[in-house]
Amino acid sequence: EIFRDGEVIGYSNYFFEHGNSTIEVKNYTQFKVKLFGVVIFSISSESIEKHKNDKLIYFKSTTFQNDKEKYVNLNYDESKKKIIINGSSYKGEANINCVIGNWWNHKILKASQQISPLSGSIKNQVVTFIGDENITLYGKNYLVAHYKLKSKNENLPDNKKLDFDIWLDKKNNLILKVAYTKMGKWEYRLKSFE
């Protein structure tokens, strides 16, 4: 579920299909921020992500942000050993160690770069371990590792900076909660998983 200032405003749902050496992840995200009944910010997004032998090989997304279309078409080029990105904000190559900036993949906490799932832009990041904590979500208690994920370049404009708090359930390698502040206090909370 997606919260803004303590109220549920939408969802980000992930569906997984596992093969012999593959995993396919489908994501559907939708939320709206209203002020006095008027929508001031909205996202509607669908994506599909494929990994083979634990390596990102394909990603495609279509997003409408405030009715403006954004997109990413990404493929792994075996001959170049590079990720090829055709996105609304970036077209070019990326290092094979980049991860898509989605909250399902705990590898985002080990990566030095992430690829925007909305536009394909590459963002350099620094992740810092804050400490182990206990949190309660939906009536369940979890022992989690708390991390801070920030932009490597502190001179970026505020609207381009990464600045997230992330809580990882180390037992299941699941990101349970993500929080940040931008036009309010936002939280992505894992409500259920199978």
C-alpha atoms as a PDB file:
ATOM      1  CA  GLU A   1       0.000   0.000   0.000  1.00  0.00           C
ATOM      2  CA  ILE A   2       1.088   3.575  -0.611  1.00  0.00           C
ATOM      3  CA  PHE A   3       0.512   6.157   2.118  1.00  0.00           C
ATOM      4  CA  ARG A   4       0.869   9.927   2.039  1.00  0.00           C
ATOM      5  CA  ASP A   5       0.624  11.805   5.340  1.00  0.00           C
ATOM      6  CA  GLY A   6      -0.846   8.688   6.980  1.00  0.00           C
ATOM      7  CA  GLU A   7      -3.633   8.065   4.447  1.00  0.00           C
ATOM      8  CA  VAL A   8      -3.785   5.268   1.862  1.00  0.00           C
ATOM      9  CA  ILE A   9      -3.667   6.866  -1.605  1.00  0.00           C
ATOM     10  CA  GLY A  10      -2.915   3.867  -3.822  1.00  0.00           C
ATOM     11  CA  TYR A  11      -1.014   0.661  -4.386  1.00  0.00           C
ATOM     12  CA  SER A  12       2.075  -0.880  -5.928  1.00  0.00           C
ATOM     13  CA  ASN A  13       1.455  -4.583  -6.566  1.00  0.00           C
ATOM     14  CA  TYR A  14       4.087  -7.085  -7.721  1.00  0.00           C
ATOM     15  CA  PHE A  15       3.478 -10.506  -9.265  1.00  0.00           C
ATOM     16  CA  PHE A  16       6.274 -13.067  -9.692  1.00  0.00           C
ATOM     17  CA  GLU A  17       6.680 -15.988 -12.089  1.00  0.00           C
ATOM     18  CA  HIS A  18       9.641 -18.304 -11.519  1.00  0.00           C
ATOM     19  CA  GLY A  19      11.211 -20.514 -14.197  1.00  0.00           C
ATOM     20  CA  ASN A  20      14.261 -22.819 -14.073  1.00  0.00           C
ATOM     21  CA  SER A  21      16.789 -19.987 -14.217  1.00  0.00           C
ATOM     22  CA  THR A  22      14.422 -17.061 -14.739  1.00  0.00           C
ATOM     23  CA  ILE A  23      12.175 -14.731 -12.810  1.00  0.00           C
ATOM     24  CA  GLU A  24       9.575 -12.405 -14.316  1.00  0.00           C
ATOM     25  CA  VAL A  25       8.146  -9.557 -12.235  1.00  0.00           C
ATOM     26  CA  LYS A  26       5.034  -7.627 -13.191  1.00  0.00           C
ATOM     27  CA  ASN A  27       4.202  -4.406 -11.389  1.00  0.00           C
ATOM     28  CA  TYR A  28       1.061  -2.319 -11.329  1.00  0.00           C
ATOM     29  CA  THR A  29       1.222   1.007  -9.477  1.00  0.00           C
ATOM     30  CA  GLN A  30      -1.463   3.624  -9.132  1.00  0.00           C
ATOM     31  CA  PHE A  31      -2.016   6.551  -6.806  1.00  0.00           C
ATOM     32  CA  LYS A  32      -3.484  10.056  -6.714  1.00  0.00           C
ATOM     33  CA  VAL A  33      -2.737  12.989  -4.437  1.00  0.00           C
ATOM     34  CA  LYS A  34      -5.660  15.356  -3.970  1.00  0.00           C
ATOM     35  CA  LEU A  35      -5.804  18.819  -2.456  1.00  0.00           C
ATOM     36  CA  PHE A  36      -9.278  20.176  -1.745  1.00  0.00           C
ATOM     37  CA  GLY A  37     -10.702  17.457  -4.007  1.00  0.00           C
ATOM     38  CA  VAL A  38      -8.460  18.346  -6.968  1.00  0.00           C
ATOM     39  CA  VAL A  39      -5.822  15.853  -8.182  1.00  0.00           C
ATOM     40  CA  ILE A  40      -2.434  17.584  -7.925  1.00  0.00           C
ATOM     41  CA  PHE A  41      -0.198  14.569  -8.571  1.00  0.00           C
ATOM     42  CA  SER A  42      -0.895  11.121 -10.023  1.00  0.00           C
ATOM     43  CA  ILE A  43       0.933   8.015 -11.206  1.00  0.00           C
ATOM     44  CA  SER A  44      -0.431   5.115 -13.222  1.00  0.00           C
ATOM     45  CA  SER A  45       2.230   2.600 -14.221  1.00  0.00           C
ATOM     46  CA  GLU A  46       2.681  -0.929 -15.550  1.00  0.00           C
ATOM     47  CA  SER A  47       5.986  -2.737 -15.937  1.00  0.00           C
ATOM     48  CA  ILE A  48       7.517  -6.108 -16.647  1.00  0.00           C
ATOM     49  CA  GLU A  49      11.018  -7.057 -15.509  1.00  0.00           C
ATOM     50  CA  LYS A  50      12.920 -10.218 -16.438  1.00  0.00           C
ATOM     51  CA  HIS A  51      16.033 -11.762 -14.900  1.00  0.00           C
ATOM     52  CA  LYS A  52      17.972 -14.783 -16.118  1.00  0.00           C
ATOM     53  CA  ASN A  53      20.612 -16.475 -13.956  1.00  0.00           C
ATOM     54  CA  ASP A  54      20.156 -13.636 -11.464  1.00  0.00           C
ATOM     55  CA  LYS A  55      20.954 -10.980 -14.132  1.00  0.00           C
ATOM     56  CA  LEU A  56      18.638  -8.230 -15.396  1.00  0.00           C
ATOM     57  CA  ILE A  57      17.935  -8.946 -19.085  1.00  0.00           C
ATOM     58  CA  TYR A  58      14.719  -7.043 -19.855  1.00  0.00           C
ATOM     59  CA  PHE A  59      12.548  -4.260 -18.486  1.00  0.00           C
ATOM     60  CA  LYS A  60       9.651  -2.379 -20.022  1.00  0.00           C
ATOM     61  CA  SER A  61       7.415   0.197 -18.384  1.00  0.00           C
ATOM     62  CA  THR A  62       4.768   2.684 -19.356  1.00  0.00           C
ATOM     63  CA  THR A  63       3.878   5.373 -16.847  1.00  0.00           C
ATOM     64  CA  PHE A  64       1.503   8.273 -16.875  1.00  0.00           C
ATOM     65  CA  GLN A  65       2.663  10.915 -14.401  1.00  0.00           C
ATOM     66  CA  ASN A  66       0.082  13.711 -14.254  1.00  0.00           C
ATOM     67  CA  ASP A  67      -1.112  12.502 -17.690  1.00  0.00           C
ATOM     68  CA  LYS A  68       2.410  12.882 -19.159  1.00  0.00           C
ATOM     69  CA  GLU A  69       3.703   9.624 -20.645  1.00  0.00           C
ATOM     70  CA  LYS A  70       7.072   8.273 -19.524  1.00  0.00           C
ATOM     71  CA  TYR A  71       8.617   4.989 -20.615  1.00  0.00           C
ATOM     72  CA  VAL A  72      11.543   2.580 -20.369  1.00  0.00           C
ATOM     73  CA  ASN A  73      12.550  -0.138 -22.851  1.00  0.00           C
ATOM     74  CA  LEU A  74      15.632  -1.967 -21.620  1.00  0.00           C
ATOM     75  CA  ASN A  75      17.501  -5.034 -22.886  1.00  0.00           C
ATOM     76  CA  TYR A  76      20.726  -6.757 -21.961  1.00  0.00           C
ATOM     77  CA  ASP A  77      23.231  -6.861 -24.846  1.00  0.00           C
ATOM     78  CA  GLU A  78      25.210 -10.088 -24.409  1.00  0.00           C
ATOM     79  CA  SER A  79      27.942  -9.079 -26.910  1.00  0.00           C
ATOM     80  CA  LYS A  80      28.627  -5.743 -25.157  1.00  0.00           C
ATOM     81  CA  LYS A  81      27.936  -7.059 -21.647  1.00  0.00           C
ATOM     82  CA  LYS A  82      25.905  -3.880 -21.132  1.00  0.00           C
ATOM     83  CA  ILE A  83      22.332  -2.880 -20.466  1.00  0.00           C
ATOM     84  CA  ILE A  84      20.861  -0.874 -23.358  1.00  0.00           C
ATOM     85  CA  ILE A  85      18.257   1.697 -22.285  1.00  0.00           C
ATOM     86  CA  ASN A  86      15.734   3.530 -24.415  1.00  0.00           C
ATOM     87  CA  GLY A  87      13.857   5.718 -21.948  1.00  0.00           C
ATOM     88  CA  SER A  88      11.969   8.968 -21.898  1.00  0.00           C
ATOM     89  CA  SER A  89      14.820  10.617 -19.915  1.00  0.00           C
ATOM     90  CA  TYR A  90      17.854   8.577 -21.000  1.00  0.00           C
ATOM     91  CA  LYS A  91      18.985   6.657 -24.057  1.00  0.00           C
ATOM     92  CA  GLY A  92      22.282   4.777 -23.869  1.00  0.00           C
ATOM     93  CA  GLU A  93      24.199   2.087 -22.033  1.00  0.00           C
ATOM     94  CA  ALA A  94      24.357   1.110 -18.387  1.00  0.00           C
ATOM     95  CA  ASN A  95      26.595  -1.115 -16.297  1.00  0.00           C
ATOM     96  CA  ILE A  96      25.302  -4.684 -15.773  1.00  0.00           C
ATOM     97  CA  ASN A  97      25.388  -4.114 -11.997  1.00  0.00           C
ATOM     98  CA  CYS A  98      22.625  -1.489 -12.148  1.00  0.00           C
ATOM     99  CA  VAL A  99      19.276  -2.458 -10.676  1.00  0.00           C
ATOM    100  CA  ILE A 100      15.814  -1.168 -11.483  1.00  0.00           C
ATOM    101  CA  GLY A 101      14.745   1.238  -8.736  1.00  0.00           C
ATOM    102  CA  ASN A 102      11.812  -0.887  -7.565  1.00  0.00           C
ATOM    103  CA  TRP A 103      11.064  -1.776  -3.970  1.00  0.00           C
ATOM    104  CA  TRP A 104      10.721  -5.548  -4.491  1.00  0.00           C
ATOM    105  CA  ASN A 105      14.452  -6.129  -5.089  1.00  0.00           C
ATOM    106  CA  HIS A 106      16.672  -6.055  -1.996  1.00  0.00           C
ATOM    107  CA  LYS A 107      19.716  -5.785  -4.324  1.00  0.00           C
ATOM    108  CA  ILE A 108      18.960  -2.071  -4.530  1.00  0.00           C
ATOM    109  CA  LEU A 109      20.639  -1.897  -1.096  1.00  0.00           C
ATOM    110  CA  LYS A 110      23.934  -3.238  -2.527  1.00  0.00           C
ATOM    111  CA  ALA A 111      23.984  -1.328  -5.830  1.00  0.00           C
ATOM    112  CA  SER A 112      25.898   1.884  -6.521  1.00  0.00           C
ATOM    113  CA  GLN A 113      23.515   2.807  -9.364  1.00  0.00           C
ATOM    114  CA  GLN A 114      19.825   2.398 -10.033  1.00  0.00           C
ATOM    115  CA  ILE A 115      17.770   2.834 -13.172  1.00  0.00           C
ATOM    116  CA  SER A 116      14.566   4.831 -12.858  1.00  0.00           C
ATOM    117  CA  PRO A 117      11.614   2.512 -13.547  1.00  0.00           C
ATOM    118  CA  LEU A 118       9.676   5.529 -14.850  1.00  0.00           C
ATOM    119  CA  SER A 119      12.130   7.182 -17.261  1.00  0.00           C
ATOM    120  CA  GLY A 120      15.303   5.067 -17.595  1.00  0.00           C
ATOM    121  CA  SER A 121      17.617   7.675 -16.085  1.00  0.00           C
ATOM    122  CA  ILE A 122      20.637   6.330 -14.184  1.00  0.00           C
ATOM    123  CA  LYS A 123      21.043   7.523 -10.610  1.00  0.00           C
ATOM    124  CA  ASN A 124      24.225   7.133  -8.560  1.00  0.00           C
ATOM    125  CA  GLN A 125      23.454   6.216  -4.979  1.00  0.00           C
ATOM    126  CA  VAL A 126      25.011   5.617  -1.586  1.00  0.00           C
ATOM    127  CA  VAL A 127      23.402   3.203   0.875  1.00  0.00           C
ATOM    128  CA  THR A 128      24.185   3.365   4.592  1.00  0.00           C
ATOM    129  CA  PHE A 129      23.202   0.798   7.230  1.00  0.00           C
ATOM    130  CA  ILE A 130      21.519   2.640  10.138  1.00  0.00           C
ATOM    131  CA  GLY A 131      20.905  -0.312  12.469  1.00  0.00           C
ATOM    132  CA  ASP A 132      18.632  -3.178  13.433  1.00  0.00           C
ATOM    133  CA  GLU A 133      15.155  -2.253  14.640  1.00  0.00           C
ATOM    134  CA  ASN A 134      11.800  -3.737  15.510  1.00  0.00           C
ATOM    135  CA  ILE A 135       8.810  -2.435  13.533  1.00  0.00           C
ATOM    136  CA  THR A 136       5.138  -3.355  13.505  1.00  0.00           C
ATOM    137  CA  LEU A 137       3.171  -3.457  10.260  1.00  0.00           C
ATOM    138  CA  TYR A 138      -0.436  -4.556  10.022  1.00  0.00           C
ATOM    139  CA  GLY A 139      -0.300  -6.075  13.512  1.00  0.00           C
ATOM    140  CA  LYS A 140       2.875  -8.131  12.899  1.00  0.00           C
ATOM    141  CA  ASN A 141       6.235  -7.511  14.542  1.00  0.00           C
ATOM    142  CA  TYR A 142       9.430  -7.702  12.445  1.00  0.00           C
ATOM    143  CA  LEU A 143      13.137  -7.488  13.228  1.00  0.00           C
ATOM    144  CA  VAL A 144      14.497  -5.414  10.354  1.00  0.00           C
ATOM    145  CA  ALA A 145      17.650  -3.752   9.095  1.00  0.00           C
ATOM    146  CA  HIS A 146      17.167  -0.010   8.576  1.00  0.00           C
ATOM    147  CA  TYR A 147      19.053   1.602   5.658  1.00  0.00           C
ATOM    148  CA  LYS A 148      19.358   5.108   4.253  1.00  0.00           C
ATOM    149  CA  LEU A 149      19.577   5.381   0.436  1.00  0.00           C
ATOM    150  CA  LYS A 150      20.715   8.783  -0.867  1.00  0.00           C
ATOM    151  CA  SER A 151      22.006  10.343  -4.067  1.00  0.00           C
ATOM    152  CA  LYS A 152      25.779  10.232  -4.344  1.00  0.00           C
ATOM    153  CA  ASN A 153      25.780  13.772  -5.760  1.00  0.00           C
ATOM    154  CA  GLU A 154      24.531  16.058  -2.983  1.00  0.00           C
ATOM    155  CA  ASN A 155      24.413  19.041  -5.403  1.00  0.00           C
ATOM    156  CA  LEU A 156      21.478  17.688  -7.411  1.00  0.00           C
ATOM    157  CA  PRO A 157      18.272  19.753  -7.347  1.00  0.00           C
ATOM    158  CA  ASP A 158      15.938  18.592  -4.563  1.00  0.00           C
ATOM    159  CA  ASN A 159      13.410  17.164  -7.042  1.00  0.00           C
ATOM    160  CA  LYS A 160      16.140  14.887  -8.506  1.00  0.00           C
ATOM    161  CA  LYS A 161      17.700  13.699  -5.226  1.00  0.00           C
ATOM    162  CA  LEU A 162      17.243  10.219  -3.821  1.00  0.00           C
ATOM    163  CA  ASP A 163      16.571  10.248  -0.060  1.00  0.00           C
ATOM    164  CA  PHE A 164      14.837   7.124   1.239  1.00  0.00           C
ATOM    165  CA  ASP A 165      14.647   5.204   4.501  1.00  0.00           C
ATOM    166  CA  ILE A 166      14.297   1.475   3.821  1.00  0.00           C
ATOM    167  CA  TRP A 167      13.498  -1.340   6.251  1.00  0.00           C
ATOM    168  CA  LEU A 168      14.549  -4.852   5.184  1.00  0.00           C
ATOM    169  CA  ASP A 169      13.307  -8.090   6.738  1.00  0.00           C
ATOM    170  CA  LYS A 170      16.628  -9.971   6.684  1.00  0.00           C
ATOM    171  CA  LYS A 171      14.930 -13.295   7.426  1.00  0.00           C
ATOM    172  CA  ASN A 172      12.973 -13.215   4.141  1.00  0.00           C
ATOM    173  CA  ASN A 173      15.116 -10.667   2.222  1.00  0.00           C
ATOM    174  CA  LEU A 174      12.009  -8.524   1.744  1.00  0.00           C
ATOM    175  CA  ILE A 175      11.790  -4.754   1.812  1.00  0.00           C
ATOM    176  CA  LEU A 176       8.901  -4.186   4.211  1.00  0.00           C
ATOM    177  CA  LYS A 177       8.757  -0.410   4.257  1.00  0.00           C
ATOM    178  CA  VAL A 178      10.125   2.612   2.398  1.00  0.00           C
ATOM    179  CA  ALA A 179       9.690   6.195   3.612  1.00  0.00           C
ATOM    180  CA  TYR A 180      10.564   9.587   2.166  1.00  0.00           C
ATOM    181  CA  THR A 181       9.465  13.208   2.258  1.00  0.00           C
ATOM    182  CA  LYS A 182       8.477  15.015  -0.928  1.00  0.00           C
ATOM    183  CA  MET A 183       5.209  16.997  -1.047  1.00  0.00           C
ATOM    184  CA  GLY A 184       4.332  15.272   2.236  1.00  0.00           C
ATOM    185  CA  LYS A 185       5.436  12.163   4.117  1.00  0.00           C
ATOM    186  CA  TRP A 186       5.251   9.047   1.927  1.00  0.00           C
ATOM    187  CA  GLU A 187       5.410   5.370   2.903  1.00  0.00           C
ATOM    188  CA  TYR A 188       5.305   2.199   0.852  1.00  0.00           C
ATOM    189  CA  ARG A 189       4.339  -0.677   3.164  1.00  0.00           C
ATOM    190  CA  LEU A 190       4.340  -4.374   2.305  1.00  0.00           C
ATOM    191  CA  LYS A 191       0.859  -5.493   3.288  1.00  0.00           C
ATOM    192  CA  SER A 192       1.088  -9.152   2.267  1.00  0.00           C
ATOM    193  CA  PHE A 193       3.238 -11.646   0.392  1.00  0.00           C
ATOM    194  CA  GLU A 194       3.074 -15.315  -0.548  1.00  0.00           C
END
